[in-house]
N, C-alpha and C. Protein backbone atom coordinates (compact mmCIF):
# COMPACT_ATOMS: atom_id res chain seq x y z
N MET A 1 61.21 44.34 18.80
CA MET A 1 60.88 42.94 18.94
C MET A 1 60.19 42.40 17.68
N PHE A 2 59.15 43.12 17.22
CA PHE A 2 58.41 42.68 16.05
C PHE A 2 59.31 42.60 14.82
N GLN A 3 60.11 43.64 14.62
CA GLN A 3 61.01 43.66 13.46
C GLN A 3 62.03 42.54 13.53
N ARG A 4 62.56 42.29 14.71
CA ARG A 4 63.53 41.21 14.88
C ARG A 4 62.88 39.85 14.61
N ARG A 5 61.67 39.64 15.14
CA ARG A 5 60.97 38.37 14.91
C ARG A 5 60.70 38.18 13.41
N ALA A 6 60.26 39.22 12.74
CA ALA A 6 60.00 39.12 11.30
C ALA A 6 61.26 38.72 10.55
N ARG A 7 62.38 39.31 10.94
CA ARG A 7 63.64 39.01 10.27
C ARG A 7 64.11 37.60 10.58
N GLU A 8 64.13 37.24 11.86
CA GLU A 8 64.69 35.96 12.28
C GLU A 8 63.82 34.77 11.92
N GLN A 9 62.51 34.90 12.06
CA GLN A 9 61.64 33.75 11.85
C GLN A 9 61.07 33.65 10.44
N TYR A 10 60.92 34.79 9.77
CA TYR A 10 60.29 34.76 8.46
C TYR A 10 61.18 35.28 7.33
N GLY A 11 62.35 35.80 7.69
CA GLY A 11 63.24 36.34 6.67
C GLY A 11 62.72 37.63 6.05
N LEU A 12 61.88 38.37 6.78
CA LEU A 12 61.30 39.60 6.26
C LEU A 12 61.97 40.81 6.89
N GLU A 13 62.26 41.78 6.08
CA GLU A 13 62.77 43.05 6.59
C GLU A 13 61.60 44.01 6.70
N ILE A 14 61.35 44.48 7.89
CA ILE A 14 60.25 45.38 8.16
C ILE A 14 60.82 46.77 8.46
N ASN A 15 60.23 47.76 7.83
CA ASN A 15 60.57 49.15 8.09
C ASN A 15 59.23 49.87 8.22
N ALA A 16 58.56 49.65 9.35
CA ALA A 16 57.18 50.08 9.54
C ALA A 16 57.04 51.59 9.60
N GLY A 17 55.88 52.03 9.13
CA GLY A 17 55.52 53.43 9.23
C GLY A 17 55.13 53.77 10.65
N PRO A 18 54.69 54.99 10.87
CA PRO A 18 54.37 55.45 12.23
C PRO A 18 53.16 54.71 12.81
N PHE A 19 53.20 54.45 14.10
CA PHE A 19 52.07 53.84 14.79
C PHE A 19 51.13 54.93 15.29
N GLY A 20 49.89 54.56 15.52
CA GLY A 20 48.92 55.50 16.06
C GLY A 20 48.32 56.43 15.02
N ILE A 21 48.45 56.07 13.76
CA ILE A 21 47.88 56.92 12.72
C ILE A 21 46.43 56.53 12.46
N ASN A 22 45.73 57.36 11.72
CA ASN A 22 44.35 57.08 11.33
C ASN A 22 44.37 56.44 9.94
N SER A 23 44.18 55.14 9.88
CA SER A 23 44.23 54.43 8.59
C SER A 23 42.91 54.48 7.84
N ARG A 24 41.89 55.09 8.41
CA ARG A 24 40.57 55.10 7.76
C ARG A 24 40.61 55.69 6.34
N PRO A 25 41.30 56.81 6.10
CA PRO A 25 41.35 57.30 4.71
C PRO A 25 41.91 56.26 3.73
N ALA A 26 42.91 55.51 4.15
CA ALA A 26 43.46 54.45 3.28
C ALA A 26 42.43 53.36 3.06
N LEU A 27 41.67 53.03 4.10
CA LEU A 27 40.64 52.00 3.97
C LEU A 27 39.52 52.46 3.04
N ILE A 28 39.14 53.72 3.16
CA ILE A 28 38.10 54.26 2.28
C ILE A 28 38.59 54.26 0.84
N LEU A 29 39.82 54.68 0.64
CA LEU A 29 40.37 54.69 -0.72
C LEU A 29 40.48 53.28 -1.27
N GLU A 30 40.74 52.31 -0.40
CA GLU A 30 40.78 50.92 -0.86
C GLU A 30 39.40 50.46 -1.32
N LYS A 31 38.34 50.88 -0.64
CA LYS A 31 36.98 50.55 -1.08
C LYS A 31 36.71 51.16 -2.46
N TYR A 32 37.17 52.37 -2.66
CA TYR A 32 37.06 53.00 -3.97
C TYR A 32 37.83 52.18 -5.01
N ALA A 33 39.04 51.79 -4.66
CA ALA A 33 39.86 50.99 -5.59
C ALA A 33 39.16 49.67 -5.91
N GLU A 34 38.56 49.04 -4.91
CA GLU A 34 37.81 47.80 -5.17
C GLU A 34 36.68 48.04 -6.16
N SER A 35 36.01 49.17 -6.04
CA SER A 35 34.90 49.48 -6.95
C SER A 35 35.38 49.70 -8.38
N ARG A 36 36.67 49.91 -8.53
CA ARG A 36 37.26 50.11 -9.86
C ARG A 36 38.08 48.90 -10.31
N GLY A 37 37.97 47.79 -9.57
CA GLY A 37 38.69 46.57 -9.93
C GLY A 37 40.17 46.60 -9.61
N LYS A 38 40.58 47.50 -8.73
CA LYS A 38 42.00 47.64 -8.40
C LYS A 38 42.25 47.53 -6.90
N GLY A 39 41.34 46.87 -6.19
CA GLY A 39 41.46 46.76 -4.74
C GLY A 39 42.72 46.05 -4.30
N ASP A 40 43.01 44.89 -4.92
CA ASP A 40 44.20 44.14 -4.53
C ASP A 40 45.47 44.92 -4.81
N GLN A 41 45.52 45.56 -5.96
CA GLN A 41 46.71 46.34 -6.32
C GLN A 41 46.93 47.48 -5.32
N PHE A 42 45.84 48.18 -5.00
CA PHE A 42 45.98 49.31 -4.07
C PHE A 42 46.36 48.81 -2.68
N HIS A 43 45.73 47.73 -2.24
CA HIS A 43 46.05 47.16 -0.93
C HIS A 43 47.54 46.82 -0.83
N LYS A 44 48.05 46.14 -1.85
CA LYS A 44 49.47 45.77 -1.85
C LYS A 44 50.37 47.01 -1.84
N ALA A 45 49.97 48.04 -2.58
CA ALA A 45 50.76 49.27 -2.62
C ALA A 45 50.79 49.94 -1.25
N VAL A 46 49.64 49.97 -0.57
CA VAL A 46 49.57 50.59 0.75
C VAL A 46 50.40 49.79 1.76
N MET A 47 50.25 48.47 1.72
CA MET A 47 51.01 47.63 2.66
C MET A 47 52.51 47.78 2.45
N HIS A 48 52.93 47.81 1.19
CA HIS A 48 54.35 47.99 0.90
C HIS A 48 54.83 49.36 1.40
N ALA A 49 54.05 50.38 1.12
CA ALA A 49 54.44 51.73 1.53
C ALA A 49 54.57 51.82 3.05
N TYR A 50 53.65 51.20 3.76
CA TYR A 50 53.68 51.29 5.22
C TYR A 50 54.75 50.39 5.83
N TRP A 51 54.79 49.12 5.43
CA TRP A 51 55.64 48.14 6.10
C TRP A 51 57.08 48.08 5.58
N HIS A 52 57.33 48.65 4.40
CA HIS A 52 58.68 48.59 3.84
C HIS A 52 59.30 49.97 3.63
N GLU A 53 58.47 50.96 3.35
CA GLU A 53 58.99 52.29 3.09
C GLU A 53 58.74 53.26 4.23
N ALA A 54 58.08 52.77 5.31
CA ALA A 54 57.80 53.57 6.51
C ALA A 54 56.99 54.83 6.20
N CYS A 55 56.09 54.73 5.23
CA CYS A 55 55.25 55.87 4.87
C CYS A 55 54.07 56.00 5.83
N SER A 56 53.64 57.20 6.04
CA SER A 56 52.46 57.46 6.86
C SER A 56 51.24 57.38 5.94
N ILE A 57 50.50 56.30 6.05
CA ILE A 57 49.39 56.07 5.12
C ILE A 57 48.13 56.85 5.48
N ASP A 58 48.25 57.79 6.40
CA ASP A 58 47.15 58.72 6.63
C ASP A 58 47.42 60.07 5.96
N ASP A 59 48.55 60.19 5.33
CA ASP A 59 48.94 61.42 4.64
C ASP A 59 48.29 61.44 3.25
N PRO A 60 47.45 62.43 2.97
CA PRO A 60 46.77 62.49 1.66
C PRO A 60 47.75 62.46 0.48
N ALA A 61 48.89 63.09 0.61
CA ALA A 61 49.87 63.08 -0.49
C ALA A 61 50.37 61.67 -0.76
N VAL A 62 50.61 60.90 0.30
CA VAL A 62 51.05 59.51 0.15
C VAL A 62 49.95 58.69 -0.52
N LEU A 63 48.72 58.87 -0.06
CA LEU A 63 47.60 58.11 -0.64
C LEU A 63 47.39 58.45 -2.10
N LYS A 64 47.51 59.72 -2.45
CA LYS A 64 47.37 60.11 -3.86
C LYS A 64 48.44 59.45 -4.71
N GLU A 65 49.66 59.45 -4.20
CA GLU A 65 50.77 58.84 -4.95
C GLU A 65 50.53 57.34 -5.14
N LEU A 66 50.07 56.67 -4.10
CA LEU A 66 49.79 55.23 -4.20
C LEU A 66 48.66 54.96 -5.18
N ALA A 67 47.64 55.78 -5.14
CA ALA A 67 46.52 55.62 -6.08
C ALA A 67 46.99 55.80 -7.52
N GLU A 68 47.84 56.77 -7.74
CA GLU A 68 48.38 56.99 -9.08
C GLU A 68 49.24 55.82 -9.54
N GLN A 69 49.98 55.20 -8.60
CA GLN A 69 50.82 54.05 -8.94
C GLN A 69 50.01 52.89 -9.50
N VAL A 70 48.77 52.75 -9.04
CA VAL A 70 47.93 51.64 -9.52
C VAL A 70 46.91 52.13 -10.54
N CYS A 71 47.14 53.33 -11.07
CA CYS A 71 46.32 53.91 -12.14
C CYS A 71 44.87 54.13 -11.74
N LEU A 72 44.64 54.59 -10.52
CA LEU A 72 43.30 54.97 -10.09
C LEU A 72 43.05 56.42 -10.46
N ASN A 73 41.87 56.71 -10.93
CA ASN A 73 41.47 58.08 -11.20
C ASN A 73 41.09 58.73 -9.88
N ILE A 74 41.89 59.66 -9.43
CA ILE A 74 41.64 60.34 -8.16
C ILE A 74 41.42 61.83 -8.37
N GLU A 75 40.87 62.15 -9.52
CA GLU A 75 40.59 63.55 -9.85
C GLU A 75 39.75 64.22 -8.75
N ASN A 76 38.81 63.47 -8.19
CA ASN A 76 37.93 63.97 -7.13
C ASN A 76 38.32 63.34 -5.79
N PHE A 77 39.59 63.43 -5.44
CA PHE A 77 40.14 62.76 -4.27
C PHE A 77 39.36 63.07 -2.99
N ASP A 78 39.11 64.33 -2.72
CA ASP A 78 38.40 64.70 -1.49
C ASP A 78 36.99 64.15 -1.48
N ASP A 79 36.34 64.14 -2.64
CA ASP A 79 34.98 63.59 -2.72
C ASP A 79 34.98 62.08 -2.46
N ILE A 80 36.01 61.40 -2.94
CA ILE A 80 36.12 59.95 -2.70
C ILE A 80 36.25 59.69 -1.21
N LEU A 81 37.13 60.43 -0.54
CA LEU A 81 37.35 60.21 0.89
C LEU A 81 36.13 60.55 1.74
N SER A 82 35.27 61.41 1.24
CA SER A 82 34.07 61.77 2.00
C SER A 82 32.82 61.06 1.50
N ASP A 83 32.98 60.13 0.56
CA ASP A 83 31.83 59.40 0.01
C ASP A 83 31.20 58.51 1.08
N PRO A 84 29.92 58.74 1.39
CA PRO A 84 29.28 57.96 2.46
C PRO A 84 29.17 56.47 2.15
N THR A 85 29.14 56.11 0.88
CA THR A 85 29.05 54.69 0.51
C THR A 85 30.32 53.96 0.91
N PHE A 86 31.47 54.50 0.55
CA PHE A 86 32.74 53.86 0.88
C PHE A 86 32.97 53.88 2.40
N ASP A 87 32.59 54.99 3.04
CA ASP A 87 32.72 55.08 4.48
C ASP A 87 31.87 54.01 5.18
N ALA A 88 30.67 53.79 4.70
CA ALA A 88 29.78 52.77 5.27
C ALA A 88 30.35 51.37 5.08
N GLN A 89 31.00 51.14 3.94
CA GLN A 89 31.61 49.83 3.69
C GLN A 89 32.75 49.57 4.67
N VAL A 90 33.55 50.58 4.96
CA VAL A 90 34.63 50.44 5.93
C VAL A 90 34.04 50.17 7.31
N THR A 91 33.02 50.91 7.68
CA THR A 91 32.37 50.70 8.98
C THR A 91 31.82 49.27 9.07
N ALA A 92 31.21 48.78 8.01
CA ALA A 92 30.68 47.41 8.01
C ALA A 92 31.79 46.39 8.20
N ASP A 93 32.93 46.60 7.56
CA ASP A 93 34.07 45.69 7.73
C ASP A 93 34.56 45.69 9.18
N ILE A 94 34.64 46.86 9.77
CA ILE A 94 35.11 46.97 11.15
C ILE A 94 34.12 46.29 12.10
N GLU A 95 32.84 46.50 11.87
CA GLU A 95 31.83 45.86 12.72
C GLU A 95 31.88 44.35 12.58
N GLN A 96 32.10 43.86 11.36
CA GLN A 96 32.21 42.41 11.15
C GLN A 96 33.43 41.86 11.89
N ALA A 97 34.52 42.57 11.84
CA ALA A 97 35.73 42.13 12.55
C ALA A 97 35.45 42.02 14.05
N TYR A 98 34.76 43.00 14.62
CA TYR A 98 34.42 42.94 16.04
C TYR A 98 33.50 41.76 16.34
N GLU A 99 32.53 41.52 15.45
CA GLU A 99 31.63 40.38 15.63
C GLU A 99 32.41 39.07 15.65
N TYR A 100 33.45 38.99 14.87
CA TYR A 100 34.29 37.79 14.82
C TYR A 100 35.27 37.71 15.99
N GLY A 101 35.35 38.77 16.75
CA GLY A 101 36.27 38.80 17.88
C GLY A 101 37.66 39.25 17.51
N LEU A 102 37.83 39.85 16.36
CA LEU A 102 39.14 40.33 15.93
C LEU A 102 39.45 41.65 16.62
N ASN A 103 40.59 41.69 17.29
CA ASN A 103 40.98 42.92 17.96
C ASN A 103 42.48 43.16 17.91
N ALA A 104 43.15 42.48 17.00
CA ALA A 104 44.59 42.66 16.84
C ALA A 104 44.96 42.45 15.38
N VAL A 105 46.07 43.03 15.00
CA VAL A 105 46.58 42.81 13.65
C VAL A 105 48.00 42.29 13.75
N PRO A 106 48.38 41.43 12.85
CA PRO A 106 47.49 40.82 11.87
C PRO A 106 46.53 39.85 12.54
N ALA A 107 45.45 39.55 11.85
CA ALA A 107 44.51 38.53 12.31
C ALA A 107 44.33 37.58 11.13
N LEU A 108 44.63 36.33 11.36
CA LEU A 108 44.56 35.31 10.31
C LEU A 108 43.51 34.28 10.68
N VAL A 109 42.66 33.95 9.72
CA VAL A 109 41.65 32.92 9.92
C VAL A 109 42.01 31.76 9.01
N PHE A 110 42.18 30.59 9.62
CA PHE A 110 42.54 29.38 8.88
C PHE A 110 41.32 28.48 8.79
N ALA A 111 41.03 28.02 7.58
CA ALA A 111 39.96 27.04 7.33
C ALA A 111 38.63 27.50 7.92
N ASP A 112 38.39 28.78 7.95
CA ASP A 112 37.16 29.35 8.49
C ASP A 112 36.86 28.91 9.92
N ARG A 113 37.88 28.43 10.65
CA ARG A 113 37.66 27.95 12.01
C ARG A 113 38.67 28.44 13.02
N TYR A 114 39.89 28.63 12.62
CA TYR A 114 40.95 28.94 13.57
C TYR A 114 41.41 30.38 13.39
N LEU A 115 41.37 31.12 14.47
CA LEU A 115 41.76 32.52 14.46
C LEU A 115 43.08 32.67 15.21
N ILE A 116 44.03 33.31 14.56
CA ILE A 116 45.32 33.63 15.19
C ILE A 116 45.50 35.13 15.07
N MET A 117 45.61 35.79 16.23
CA MET A 117 45.73 37.24 16.23
C MET A 117 47.10 37.68 16.71
N GLY A 118 47.53 38.79 16.17
CA GLY A 118 48.80 39.37 16.55
C GLY A 118 49.97 38.73 15.83
N ALA A 119 51.11 39.32 15.97
CA ALA A 119 52.33 38.80 15.34
C ALA A 119 52.78 37.57 16.12
N GLN A 120 52.59 36.41 15.54
CA GLN A 120 52.89 35.14 16.21
C GLN A 120 54.14 34.50 15.62
N PRO A 121 54.81 33.69 16.41
CA PRO A 121 55.98 32.97 15.89
C PRO A 121 55.57 31.99 14.79
N TYR A 122 56.52 31.70 13.97
CA TYR A 122 56.32 30.75 12.86
C TYR A 122 55.70 29.44 13.35
N GLU A 123 56.16 28.94 14.48
CA GLU A 123 55.69 27.66 15.00
C GLU A 123 54.18 27.66 15.25
N VAL A 124 53.63 28.77 15.69
CA VAL A 124 52.18 28.86 15.93
C VAL A 124 51.43 28.71 14.61
N LEU A 125 51.90 29.38 13.59
CA LEU A 125 51.25 29.28 12.28
C LEU A 125 51.39 27.87 11.70
N LYS A 126 52.56 27.30 11.87
CA LYS A 126 52.82 25.94 11.38
C LYS A 126 51.89 24.94 12.07
N GLN A 127 51.72 25.09 13.38
CA GLN A 127 50.84 24.18 14.12
C GLN A 127 49.40 24.28 13.63
N ALA A 128 48.96 25.47 13.33
CA ALA A 128 47.59 25.65 12.82
C ALA A 128 47.42 24.91 11.49
N ILE A 129 48.37 25.07 10.60
CA ILE A 129 48.31 24.39 9.30
C ILE A 129 48.35 22.88 9.49
N GLU A 130 49.22 22.40 10.34
CA GLU A 130 49.32 20.96 10.57
C GLU A 130 48.02 20.40 11.14
N ARG A 131 47.40 21.13 12.03
CA ARG A 131 46.14 20.67 12.62
C ARG A 131 45.05 20.58 11.56
N ILE A 132 44.98 21.57 10.70
CA ILE A 132 43.99 21.55 9.62
C ILE A 132 44.26 20.39 8.68
N GLN A 133 45.52 20.15 8.36
CA GLN A 133 45.87 19.03 7.49
C GLN A 133 45.47 17.70 8.13
N GLU A 134 45.70 17.56 9.41
CA GLU A 134 45.33 16.33 10.13
C GLU A 134 43.82 16.13 10.10
N GLU A 135 43.08 17.20 10.32
CA GLU A 135 41.62 17.10 10.33
C GLU A 135 41.07 16.73 8.96
N ASN A 136 41.71 17.21 7.91
CA ASN A 136 41.25 16.90 6.56
C ASN A 136 41.60 15.47 6.14
N ILE A 137 42.59 14.88 6.77
CA ILE A 137 42.99 13.51 6.44
C ILE A 137 42.04 12.52 7.11
N THR A 138 41.63 12.81 8.32
CA THR A 138 40.79 11.86 9.06
C THR A 138 39.33 12.01 8.75
């Protein structure tokens, strides 16, 4: 259903990786990448690997390859994944998401006021944008 909706409504081809995996190692590595100024690059690489190449982003070999693609120094890979600072940053992000009431992915926040959770039809997203545009005009 999700893949069909993505194709029909958004023109996106989805080839998702396995569900039910532990994405925490990828999140921790993303915090490391952010600390090196490569957070966006690593995030995009992980998303592409998962949603287009069907990679399991909890696999250390996959994560190492993605880190190398964005030129991250992962010489101490195991130390990075066990770094309490990066782990605490991931925990803080998760706690903030719960405080905001986020419990589904994707979760999109429009104009710091409107929350749309889960894979929604194009029309739902369009309506949110139109409402924000109307509010900004008046």
